């Protein structure tokens, strides 16, 4: 098994924590803050993808509760 196969996916809370960390670093090192914007953008993209996935999964579950003839197994 490869190392990446063993790793658990990063959670939404972890992504938010990393955004907080980058924000603190930007404040602490204002002259280098612009260099951190690609990291910020990447974290925001990952956060947005996780949120969108969670919304889709919740919508699918809600649809199944409204339609008892369809069950998710």
Protein backbone atom coordinates (compact mmCIF):
# COMPACT_ATOMS: atom_id res chain seq x y z
CA UNK A 1 0.00 0.00 0.00
CA UNK A 2 1.37 3.41 -0.91
CA UNK A 3 1.76 6.19 1.58
CA UNK A 4 -0.97 8.28 -0.10
CA UNK A 5 -3.39 5.35 0.02
CA UNK A 6 -3.07 5.25 3.82
CA UNK A 7 -3.63 8.97 4.30
CA UNK A 8 -7.10 10.15 5.31
CA UNK A 9 -8.59 13.05 3.34
CA UNK A 10 -8.12 16.50 4.80
CA UNK A 11 -11.28 17.68 6.55
CA UNK A 12 -13.12 20.93 6.02
CA UNK A 13 -12.14 21.97 9.56
CA UNK A 14 -8.49 21.34 8.77
CA UNK A 15 -8.71 23.44 5.61
CA UNK A 16 -10.30 26.26 7.62
CA UNK A 17 -7.49 25.97 10.19
CA UNK A 18 -4.89 26.23 7.43
CA UNK A 19 -6.64 29.33 6.08
CA UNK A 20 -6.41 30.82 9.58
CA UNK A 21 -2.71 29.96 9.70
CA UNK A 22 -2.02 31.58 6.32
CA UNK A 23 -3.97 34.68 7.41
CA UNK A 24 -1.82 34.91 10.55
CA UNK A 25 1.34 34.52 8.48
CA UNK A 26 0.17 37.23 6.07
CA UNK A 27 -0.38 39.57 9.01
CA UNK A 28 2.94 38.70 10.63
CA UNK A 29 4.91 39.03 7.38
CA UNK A 30 3.11 41.74 5.39
CA UNK A 31 6.00 42.21 2.94
CA UNK A 32 5.74 38.52 1.94
CA UNK A 33 1.93 38.32 2.14
CA UNK A 34 1.51 38.53 -1.62
CA UNK A 35 3.72 35.45 -2.01
CA UNK A 36 1.21 33.51 0.08
CA UNK A 37 -1.80 34.30 -2.10
CA UNK A 38 -1.40 31.16 -4.26
CA UNK A 39 -1.55 29.05 -1.10
CA UNK A 40 -4.62 30.99 0.03
CA UNK A 41 -6.33 30.47 -3.34
CA UNK A 42 -5.56 26.75 -3.36
CA UNK A 43 -6.97 26.33 0.15
CA UNK A 44 -10.11 28.26 -0.79
CA UNK A 45 -10.61 26.08 -3.88
CA UNK A 46 -10.29 22.93 -1.78
CA UNK A 47 -12.66 24.33 0.86
CA UNK A 48 -15.22 25.26 -1.80
CA UNK A 49 -15.02 21.78 -3.36
CA UNK A 50 -15.59 20.16 0.04
CA UNK A 51 -18.54 22.42 0.79
CA UNK A 52 -20.07 21.72 -2.63
CA UNK A 53 -19.64 17.97 -2.14
CA UNK A 54 -21.29 18.19 1.28
CA UNK A 55 -24.22 20.14 -0.21
CA UNK A 56 -24.66 17.56 -2.97
CA UNK A 57 -24.56 14.65 -0.52
CA UNK A 58 -27.08 16.37 1.75
CA UNK A 59 -29.38 17.02 -1.22
CA UNK A 60 -29.15 13.36 -2.24
CA UNK A 61 -30.04 12.23 1.28
CA UNK A 62 -32.93 14.70 1.44
CA UNK A 63 -34.22 13.47 -1.91
CA UNK A 64 -34.27 9.91 -0.63
CA UNK A 65 -36.20 10.88 2.49
CA UNK A 66 -38.85 12.48 0.26
CA UNK A 67 -38.95 9.45 -2.03
CA UNK A 68 -39.32 6.30 0.09
CA UNK A 69 -39.35 4.01 -2.97
CA UNK A 70 -35.68 4.83 -3.57
CA UNK A 71 -33.21 3.76 -0.95
CA UNK A 72 -29.48 4.29 -0.76
CA UNK A 73 -27.72 1.05 0.08
